[in-house]
Amino acid sequence: MKKVLLISPDTIAKKMAGPGIRYYNFAKELSRSLDVSLYIPNKNTDIDEKNINFKIIKGVRRELKIAARDADSIVVQGRALRAYSFLKKLKKPIVVDIYDPITLENLELRKNLDFKTRLWFHETDLDLILEQLAFGDYFICASEKQKDYWLGMLAALNRVNPATYVEDNKMDALIGVVPFGLPNEAPVKTKRVLKGVWPGIEEEDKVIIWGGGIWNWFDPLSLIEAMNIVSKKRRDIKLFFMGIGHPTAIIDISTAEECIELSKSYSLYNKTIFFNDWVPYEERQNYLLESDIGISTYFNNLETRFSFRTRILDYIWCDLPMLLTKGDYMAEMVEREEIGLCHEEKAPEEIAEAILTMLEDEKLYSSSKANIDKLKESYRWKNVIRDLESFCKNPKTSADKRHKVNIHYKKTIIAMIKYYYVRVKNKLKKLLKS
């Protein structure tokens, strides 16, 4: 049985964000046919380890080195190749997970910083991505649209070359599609959490739920404006935000703070609109199963075009018709599969109309739920993992590395200085806040 080492880029615990959820499920699914070790950056975890078939390495670098030397393949995402630079010297087949185009995401995340600082961070992010694209033997992304984007970047570094082309002229041997998934099992409600329980949400109310956090690249302010319109027509429609920040990282939550202030200015705070801290991963279905609509509003920009909104898979898992902003992969799927409604960006009136239409048109609502059920199977973790599982069962160094093709990337000393400066700066921020 082949051995694979997964290096999670984020904390894995009962409260975890998308990257942690992704790697926890990678480990669960791959361990059905492979010998899996999962490295997590946190030295303690509160997840139940009794019923798992993989080894967890809890933040101990020495154990990580041993597992890396023993592995047949290694899966990384984010800063792993820099945080654990010894990985590059092992000459093991490395899978690089690029499901999150961070350079595009951070253009939005840092848009409120001064231009010089933004440019400085962007160059650091870009160098990090280029290093991953240079060292990886196999890559996984979240959608076919993303695959085209990443193939363009790989081609610029000469990873699309005669060696990789001869091996597979479709480039499937170089890059695969492994989207975010949804659980193999149906959701099971373990307790009541919203209707008739949460102060201000009555048992007969209709609940619109925002899954995940309120990040700065989203547009929840237009949704708040829409709820102000809706509240003047119906008092039984409530909006619940599952999280306002990040469960593990220190990030800018200024947009979440603006949402709270705007909802207060309309006298909707804790009356029509409710904000939660964060929902533990294994309890999220309780909130979703008591909701009537899943929603996500964002800007129709470059980040949106190549994004893959991971929490929307939870809406599908729990049969929630959804309302999304047009412009991304998920919105295209919603319209194509007829599982909800889509609207233009920054359009509160249109969002309000879509909310009322979805809740008042019984035929539309019922057909959307029925169509969701047809879509589920293709997005279960056991199915989305196939490209990664196939490589890990037969890992190999990429064709261009075997033929010693020149890869057009040169790590700069300046880029490394920038990277470690940011790491030290972030650690200082954590110390000052603790």
Protein backbone atom coordinates (compact mmCIF):
# COMPACT_ATOMS: atom_id res chain seq x y z
CA MET A 1 0.00 0.00 0.00
CA LYS A 2 1.40 3.38 -1.05
CA LYS A 3 2.14 5.94 1.66
CA VAL A 4 0.96 9.53 1.27
CA LEU A 5 1.70 12.51 3.51
CA LEU A 6 -0.86 15.32 3.59
CA ILE A 7 0.31 18.65 5.00
CA SER A 8 -2.66 20.73 6.10
CA PRO A 9 -2.18 24.48 5.59
CA ASP A 10 -4.59 25.30 8.42
CA THR A 11 -5.73 24.13 11.82
CA ILE A 12 -7.82 20.97 12.00
CA ALA A 13 -10.23 20.97 14.93
CA LYS A 14 -13.97 21.13 15.63
CA LYS A 15 -13.89 24.77 14.49
CA MET A 16 -12.07 24.98 11.17
CA ALA A 17 -12.10 26.93 7.94
CA GLY A 18 -12.09 25.68 4.33
CA PRO A 19 -8.44 24.53 4.03
CA GLY A 20 -8.64 22.47 7.23
CA ILE A 21 -11.97 20.95 6.16
CA ARG A 22 -10.47 20.06 2.78
CA TYR A 23 -7.42 18.26 4.21
CA TYR A 24 -9.38 16.46 6.91
CA ASN A 25 -11.64 15.03 4.20
CA PHE A 26 -8.67 14.26 1.95
CA ALA A 27 -7.26 12.15 4.77
CA LYS A 28 -10.57 10.38 5.43
CA GLU A 29 -11.11 9.46 1.78
CA LEU A 30 -7.54 8.57 0.79
CA SER A 31 -7.12 6.36 3.88
CA ARG A 32 -9.68 3.95 2.39
CA SER A 33 -7.06 2.77 -0.11
CA LEU A 34 -3.75 4.33 0.98
CA ASP A 35 -1.54 4.56 4.06
CA VAL A 36 -2.16 8.19 5.07
CA SER A 37 -0.38 10.52 7.47
CA LEU A 38 -1.92 13.96 8.05
CA TYR A 39 0.29 16.73 9.40
CA ILE A 40 -1.62 19.53 11.13
CA PRO A 41 -0.03 22.81 12.29
CA ASN A 42 -1.81 22.76 15.68
CA LYS A 43 -0.16 20.74 18.46
CA ASN A 44 -3.53 19.90 20.00
CA THR A 45 -6.85 19.07 18.41
CA ASP A 46 -10.33 18.41 19.78
CA ILE A 47 -11.54 16.23 16.89
CA ASP A 48 -12.54 12.64 17.66
CA GLU A 49 -9.60 10.43 16.68
CA LYS A 50 -11.22 7.10 17.60
CA ASN A 51 -12.80 6.30 14.25
CA ILE A 52 -10.17 7.52 11.79
CA ASN A 53 -7.92 5.32 9.66
CA PHE A 54 -5.00 7.70 9.31
CA LYS A 55 -2.17 8.98 11.47
CA ILE A 56 -2.27 12.59 12.69
CA ILE A 57 1.04 14.40 13.27
CA LYS A 58 0.32 17.31 15.58
CA GLY A 59 2.67 20.15 14.77
CA VAL A 60 5.89 18.24 15.55
CA ARG A 61 8.47 19.10 12.88
CA ARG A 62 10.70 16.11 13.68
CA GLU A 63 7.81 13.70 13.09
CA LEU A 64 6.94 15.53 9.88
CA LYS A 65 10.48 14.97 8.57
CA ILE A 66 10.30 11.26 9.34
CA ALA A 67 6.90 10.92 7.64
CA ALA A 68 8.13 12.88 4.61
CA ARG A 69 11.17 10.63 4.15
CA ASP A 70 8.94 7.56 4.43
CA ALA A 71 6.17 8.76 2.08
CA ASP A 72 5.74 7.78 -1.56
CA SER A 73 4.09 11.15 -2.30
CA ILE A 74 3.47 14.42 -0.47
CA VAL A 75 0.49 16.77 -0.84
CA VAL A 76 0.98 20.45 0.01
CA GLN A 77 -0.89 23.74 -0.22
CA GLY A 78 0.08 27.33 0.50
CA ARG A 79 3.36 28.09 2.27
CA ALA A 80 4.38 24.48 2.97
CA LEU A 81 7.37 24.40 0.60
CA ARG A 82 8.82 27.41 2.40
CA ALA A 83 7.76 26.61 5.94
CA TYR A 84 9.22 23.09 5.51
CA SER A 85 11.92 23.70 2.91
CA PHE A 86 13.47 20.26 3.51
CA LEU A 87 10.59 18.82 1.41
CA LYS A 88 12.23 20.14 -1.76
CA LYS A 89 15.43 18.17 -1.09
CA LEU A 90 13.76 14.78 -0.64
CA LYS A 91 13.11 14.18 -4.36
CA LYS A 92 9.67 12.78 -3.60
CA PRO A 93 6.73 13.31 -5.97
CA ILE A 94 4.96 16.43 -4.73
CA VAL A 95 1.30 17.25 -5.34
CA VAL A 96 0.58 20.97 -5.12
CA ASP A 97 -2.99 21.91 -4.25
CA ILE A 98 -3.83 25.20 -5.99
CA TYR A 99 -7.61 25.20 -5.49
CA ASP A 100 -7.35 28.72 -4.04
CA PRO A 101 -5.86 31.33 -6.44
CA ILE A 102 -4.44 33.46 -3.62
CA THR A 103 -2.98 36.19 -5.81
CA LEU A 104 -6.48 36.99 -7.13
CA GLU A 105 -8.13 36.59 -3.74
CA ASN A 106 -5.63 38.91 -2.07
CA LEU A 107 -6.14 41.63 -4.67
CA GLU A 108 -9.58 41.97 -3.07
CA LEU A 109 -8.54 41.24 0.49
CA ARG A 110 -5.94 44.03 0.54
CA LYS A 111 -7.74 46.57 -1.64
CA ASN A 112 -8.04 49.03 1.25
CA LEU A 113 -4.27 49.17 1.88
CA ASP A 114 -2.07 51.85 0.31
CA PHE A 115 -0.83 51.04 -3.19
CA LYS A 116 2.84 50.53 -2.26
CA THR A 117 1.96 48.02 0.45
CA ARG A 118 -0.47 46.21 -1.83
CA LEU A 119 2.15 45.89 -4.54
CA TRP A 120 4.72 44.62 -2.04
CA PHE A 121 2.38 41.90 -0.73
CA HIS A 122 1.28 40.96 -4.25
CA GLU A 123 4.84 40.37 -5.43
CA THR A 124 5.45 38.16 -2.39
CA ASP A 125 2.26 36.17 -3.08
CA LEU A 126 3.17 35.78 -6.73
CA ASP A 127 6.65 34.51 -5.95
CA LEU A 128 5.13 31.97 -3.55
CA ILE A 129 2.82 30.69 -6.30
CA LEU A 130 5.60 30.55 -8.89
CA GLU A 131 7.77 28.53 -6.54
CA GLN A 132 4.96 25.99 -6.06
CA LEU A 133 4.36 25.76 -9.81
CA ALA A 134 8.08 25.19 -10.36
CA PHE A 135 8.54 22.43 -7.76
CA GLY A 136 5.31 20.45 -8.08
CA ASP A 137 5.09 17.16 -9.94
CA TYR A 138 1.31 17.15 -10.09
CA PHE A 139 -1.26 19.86 -9.44
CA ILE A 140 -4.90 19.84 -8.36
CA CYS A 141 -7.37 22.70 -8.77
CA ALA A 142 -11.09 23.17 -8.08
CA SER A 143 -12.73 23.40 -11.52
CA GLU A 144 -12.18 23.16 -15.27
CA LYS A 145 -12.24 26.96 -15.43
CA GLN A 146 -9.47 27.11 -12.84
CA LYS A 147 -7.56 24.45 -14.75
CA ASP A 148 -7.37 26.73 -17.80
CA TYR A 149 -6.09 29.57 -15.60
CA TRP A 150 -3.40 27.43 -14.00
CA LEU A 151 -2.36 25.86 -17.31
CA GLY A 152 -1.63 29.37 -18.56
CA MET A 153 0.65 30.03 -15.58
CA LEU A 154 2.29 26.62 -15.90
CA ALA A 155 2.92 27.27 -19.60
CA ALA A 156 4.63 30.58 -18.75
CA LEU A 157 7.07 28.68 -16.51
CA ASN A 158 7.68 26.11 -19.28
CA ARG A 159 5.88 23.32 -17.42
CA VAL A 160 3.80 22.79 -20.57
CA ASN A 161 6.60 21.55 -22.81
CA PRO A 162 7.46 18.67 -25.18
CA ALA A 163 8.13 16.30 -22.26
CA THR A 164 4.81 16.87 -20.47
CA TYR A 165 2.94 17.10 -23.80
CA VAL A 166 4.23 13.76 -25.08
CA GLU A 167 3.28 12.10 -21.80
CA ASP A 168 -0.29 13.45 -22.02
CA ASN A 169 -1.40 15.94 -24.68
CA LYS A 170 -4.42 16.88 -22.54
CA MET A 171 -2.12 17.66 -19.59
CA ASP A 172 -4.16 15.44 -17.27
CA ALA A 173 -0.89 13.88 -16.09
CA LEU A 174 0.26 17.32 -14.93
CA ILE A 175 -2.93 18.83 -13.48
CA GLY A 176 -6.21 17.35 -12.26
CA VAL A 177 -9.50 18.71 -10.97
CA VAL A 178 -10.33 18.05 -7.32
CA PRO A 179 -13.07 20.44 -6.21
CA PHE A 180 -14.31 20.89 -2.68
CA GLY A 181 -16.70 18.13 -1.77
CA LEU A 182 -19.68 17.34 0.39
CA PRO A 183 -20.00 14.44 2.88
CA ASN A 184 -20.79 10.97 1.61
CA GLU A 185 -23.44 10.60 4.31
CA ALA A 186 -26.75 12.47 4.50
CA PRO A 187 -26.86 15.28 7.07
CA VAL A 188 -28.29 14.31 10.46
CA LYS A 189 -29.84 16.87 12.77
CA THR A 190 -28.60 16.44 16.34
CA LYS A 191 -30.24 19.42 18.02
CA ARG A 192 -32.38 22.51 17.44
CA VAL A 193 -30.34 25.69 17.07
CA LEU A 194 -32.31 28.38 15.22
CA LYS A 195 -36.09 28.29 14.85
CA GLY A 196 -37.74 28.72 18.22
CA VAL A 197 -34.32 28.58 19.90
CA TRP A 198 -32.21 31.53 18.78
CA PRO A 199 -33.53 34.73 20.41
CA GLY A 200 -35.47 36.66 17.75
CA ILE A 201 -36.01 33.73 15.37
CA GLU A 202 -39.48 32.23 15.72
CA GLU A 203 -40.44 28.67 14.86
CA GLU A 204 -42.53 29.72 11.83
CA ASP A 205 -39.94 32.18 10.45
CA LYS A 206 -38.15 31.71 7.12
CA VAL A 207 -34.38 31.70 7.57
CA ILE A 208 -31.80 32.75 4.98
CA ILE A 209 -28.35 31.48 5.97
CA TRP A 210 -24.88 32.78 5.07
CA GLY A 211 -22.47 29.84 5.35
CA GLY A 212 -18.90 30.45 6.49
CA GLY A 213 -17.25 33.77 7.33
CA ILE A 214 -17.77 37.33 6.13
CA TRP A 215 -14.56 37.95 4.19
CA ASN A 216 -13.62 41.30 2.69
CA TRP A 217 -13.90 40.03 -0.89
CA PHE A 218 -17.63 39.37 -0.37
CA ASP A 219 -20.45 41.91 -0.65
CA PRO A 220 -22.69 41.30 2.39
CA LEU A 221 -23.53 45.01 2.57
CA SER A 222 -25.78 44.70 -0.49
CA LEU A 223 -27.49 41.80 1.28
CA ILE A 224 -28.07 43.94 4.39
CA GLU A 225 -29.62 46.60 2.14
CA ALA A 226 -31.81 43.93 0.54
CA MET A 227 -32.97 42.68 3.94
CA ASN A 228 -33.99 46.22 4.83
CA ILE A 229 -36.27 46.17 1.76
CA VAL A 230 -37.58 42.68 2.57
CA SER A 231 -38.29 43.55 6.22
CA LYS A 232 -40.70 46.28 5.16
CA LYS A 233 -42.79 43.65 3.33
CA ARG A 234 -42.42 40.61 5.56
CA ARG A 235 -41.31 40.40 9.19
CA ASP A 236 -40.99 36.62 9.21
CA ILE A 237 -37.89 36.46 6.97
CA LYS A 238 -34.62 36.38 8.94
CA LEU A 239 -30.96 36.41 7.90
CA PHE A 240 -28.39 34.43 9.89
CA PHE A 241 -24.61 34.74 9.41
CA MET A 242 -22.88 31.54 10.56
CA GLY A 243 -19.58 33.32 11.20
CA ILE A 244 -18.16 36.83 11.21
CA GLY A 245 -14.45 36.06 11.33
CA HIS A 246 -11.96 33.21 11.04
CA PRO A 247 -11.76 30.38 13.60
CA THR A 248 -7.95 30.22 13.62
CA ALA A 249 -6.30 33.12 11.77
CA ILE A 250 -6.07 36.84 12.41
CA ILE A 251 -7.54 38.54 9.34
CA ASP A 252 -9.17 41.84 8.48
CA ILE A 253 -12.87 41.65 9.41
CA SER A 254 -13.70 45.27 8.63
CA THR A 255 -16.47 44.23 6.21
CA ALA A 256 -18.12 42.15 8.95
CA GLU A 257 -17.93 45.12 11.29
CA GLU A 258 -19.52 47.34 8.62
CA CYS A 259 -22.34 44.78 8.27
CA ILE A 260 -23.09 44.90 11.97
CA GLU A 261 -23.12 48.69 11.99
CA LEU A 262 -25.35 48.89 8.89
CA SER A 263 -27.83 46.39 10.34
CA LYS A 264 -27.93 48.46 13.53
CA SER A 265 -28.56 51.65 11.56
CA TYR A 266 -31.66 50.03 10.04
CA SER A 267 -32.73 48.65 13.45
CA LEU A 268 -32.42 45.11 12.06
CA TYR A 269 -29.63 43.91 14.36
CA ASN A 270 -30.77 40.90 16.43
CA LYS A 271 -34.29 41.43 15.12
CA THR A 272 -34.09 40.50 11.43
CA ILE A 273 -30.34 39.98 10.99
CA PHE A 274 -28.25 37.83 13.31
CA PHE A 275 -24.47 37.35 13.56
CA ASN A 276 -22.84 34.25 15.01
CA ASP A 277 -19.17 33.82 15.99
CA TRP A 278 -18.39 30.47 14.29
CA VAL A 279 -20.15 27.13 13.99
CA PRO A 280 -18.17 23.94 14.75
CA TYR A 281 -17.69 21.88 11.58
CA GLU A 282 -19.57 18.83 12.88
CA GLU A 283 -22.57 20.96 13.94
CA ARG A 284 -23.04 23.06 10.80
CA GLN A 285 -25.80 20.81 9.45
CA ASN A 286 -28.03 21.73 12.41
CA TYR A 287 -28.07 25.35 11.24
CA LEU A 288 -28.41 24.50 7.56
CA LEU A 289 -31.25 22.02 8.05
CA GLU A 290 -33.28 24.65 9.91
CA SER A 291 -32.77 27.18 7.12
CA ASP A 292 -34.84 27.77 3.97
CA ILE A 293 -32.35 29.47 1.61
CA GLY A 294 -28.55 29.49 1.35
CA ILE A 295 -27.06 32.78 0.16
CA SER A 296 -23.74 34.31 -0.85
CA THR A 297 -23.26 37.78 -2.33
CA TYR A 298 -19.98 39.03 -3.75
CA PHE A 299 -18.52 41.25 -6.44
CA ASN A 300 -18.37 40.15 -10.07
CA ASN A 301 -14.63 40.60 -10.56
CA LEU A 302 -11.49 38.63 -11.37
CA GLU A 303 -11.41 36.89 -7.97
CA THR A 304 -15.01 35.80 -8.47
CA ARG A 305 -14.38 34.49 -11.99
CA PHE A 306 -11.85 31.89 -10.81
CA SER A 307 -13.17 31.25 -7.29
CA PHE A 308 -14.81 28.11 -5.94
CA ARG A 309 -17.12 29.07 -3.06
CA THR A 310 -16.60 26.06 -0.83
CA ARG A 311 -19.43 26.55 1.67
CA ILE A 312 -21.99 26.45 -1.15
CA LEU A 313 -21.39 22.69 -1.22
CA ASP A 314 -22.95 22.63 2.26
CA TYR A 315 -26.10 24.19 0.79
CA ILE A 316 -26.26 21.35 -1.72
CA TRP A 317 -25.62 18.79 1.02
CA CYS A 318 -28.59 20.10 3.03
CA ASP A 319 -30.97 20.61 0.06
CA LEU A 320 -30.99 24.39 0.31
CA PRO A 321 -32.10 26.36 -2.76
CA MET A 322 -29.65 29.22 -3.11
CA LEU A 323 -29.24 32.81 -4.19
CA LEU A 324 -25.84 33.76 -5.64
CA THR A 325 -24.23 36.68 -7.40
CA LYS A 326 -23.54 36.10 -11.11
CA GLY A 327 -20.01 35.71 -12.42
CA ASP A 328 -18.48 32.59 -10.87
CA TYR A 329 -18.45 28.83 -11.39
CA MET A 330 -21.07 28.22 -8.72
CA ALA A 331 -23.52 30.78 -10.12
CA GLU A 332 -23.20 29.18 -13.54
CA MET A 333 -23.99 25.82 -11.95
CA VAL A 334 -27.02 27.23 -10.08
CA GLU A 335 -28.50 28.59 -13.31
CA ARG A 336 -27.59 25.54 -15.39
CA GLU A 337 -28.95 23.01 -12.90
CA GLU A 338 -31.89 25.23 -11.83
CA ILE A 339 -31.20 24.96 -8.10
CA GLY A 340 -31.79 28.59 -7.20
CA LEU A 341 -31.63 32.15 -8.51
CA CYS A 342 -28.77 34.48 -9.45
CA HIS A 343 -28.57 38.25 -9.45
CA GLU A 344 -26.26 41.03 -10.61
CA GLU A 345 -23.61 42.38 -8.24
CA LYS A 346 -24.37 45.32 -5.92
CA ALA A 347 -28.11 45.10 -6.62
CA PRO A 348 -30.06 45.18 -3.30
CA GLU A 349 -33.45 45.55 -5.01
CA GLU A 350 -32.78 42.53 -7.23
CA ILE A 351 -31.58 40.48 -4.25
CA ALA A 352 -34.70 41.42 -2.27
CA GLU A 353 -36.90 40.41 -5.20
CA ALA A 354 -35.08 37.08 -5.55
CA ILE A 355 -35.52 36.35 -1.81
CA LEU A 356 -39.26 37.01 -1.98
CA THR A 357 -39.66 35.08 -5.24
CA MET A 358 -37.86 32.00 -3.93
CA LEU A 359 -39.89 31.94 -0.71
CA GLU A 360 -43.25 32.74 -2.27
CA ASP A 361 -43.11 30.68 -5.48
CA GLU A 362 -43.79 27.18 -4.12
CA LYS A 363 -43.30 25.49 -7.50
CA LEU A 364 -39.91 27.14 -8.02
CA TYR A 365 -38.80 26.28 -4.49
CA SER A 366 -39.86 22.63 -4.76
CA SER A 367 -38.24 22.10 -8.17
CA SER A 368 -35.00 23.69 -6.95
CA LYS A 369 -34.83 21.23 -4.03
CA ALA A 370 -35.55 18.30 -6.34
CA ASN A 371 -32.80 19.38 -8.74
CA ILE A 372 -30.30 19.70 -5.89
CA ASP A 373 -30.88 16.08 -4.97
CA LYS A 374 -29.91 15.01 -8.50
CA LEU A 375 -26.63 16.93 -8.25
CA LYS A 376 -25.34 15.64 -4.93
CA GLU A 377 -23.64 12.42 -5.94
CA SER A 378 -21.07 14.00 -8.25
CA TYR A 379 -19.84 16.30 -5.46
CA ARG A 380 -19.44 13.74 -2.68
CA TRP A 381 -15.88 13.57 -1.33
CA LYS A 382 -15.54 9.93 -2.42
CA ASN A 383 -16.05 11.05 -6.03
CA VAL A 384 -14.26 14.42 -6.19
CA ILE A 385 -11.07 12.88 -4.76
CA ARG A 386 -10.49 10.56 -7.74
CA ASP A 387 -7.75 12.50 -9.60
CA LEU A 388 -5.70 12.90 -6.41
CA GLU A 389 -6.25 9.29 -5.37
CA SER A 390 -5.15 8.07 -8.81
CA PHE A 391 -1.86 9.98 -8.62
CA CYS A 392 -1.11 8.92 -5.03
CA LYS A 393 -1.64 5.27 -5.96
CA ASN A 394 0.89 5.65 -8.78
CA PRO A 395 3.09 8.62 -7.82
CA LYS A 396 5.90 9.73 -10.11
CA THR A 397 8.18 12.64 -10.79
CA SER A 398 6.85 14.86 -13.57
CA ALA A 399 8.03 14.11 -17.12
CA ASP A 400 9.83 17.44 -17.57
CA LYS A 401 11.82 16.93 -14.37
CA ARG A 402 12.82 13.46 -15.50
CA HIS A 403 14.04 14.91 -18.80
CA LYS A 404 15.66 17.89 -17.00
CA VAL A 405 13.69 20.47 -18.98
CA ASN A 406 14.56 24.02 -17.93
CA ILE A 407 11.81 25.48 -15.73
CA HIS A 408 11.61 29.27 -15.95
CA TYR A 409 11.65 30.19 -12.29
CA LYS A 410 14.39 31.62 -10.15
CA LYS A 411 13.78 32.23 -6.47
CA THR A 412 15.04 35.65 -5.43
CA ILE A 413 16.67 36.54 -2.12
CA ILE A 414 14.44 39.61 -1.93
CA ALA A 415 11.33 37.44 -2.19
CA MET A 416 12.56 35.23 0.66
CA ILE A 417 13.30 38.26 2.84
CA LYS A 418 9.77 39.53 2.16
CA TYR A 419 8.28 36.16 3.03
CA TYR A 420 10.05 35.82 6.39
CA TYR A 421 9.36 39.48 7.23
CA VAL A 422 5.63 38.85 6.80
CA ARG A 423 5.83 35.71 8.96
CA VAL A 424 7.58 37.59 11.79
CA LYS A 425 5.13 40.49 11.47
CA ASN A 426 2.12 38.14 11.72
CA LYS A 427 3.59 36.38 14.76
CA LEU A 428 4.09 39.74 16.48
CA LYS A 429 0.46 40.64 15.75
CA LYS A 430 -0.72 37.39 17.36
CA LEU A 431 1.45 38.02 20.44
CA LEU A 432 0.14 41.57 20.82
CA LYS A 433 -3.49 40.41 20.53
CA SER A 434 -3.10 37.47 22.93
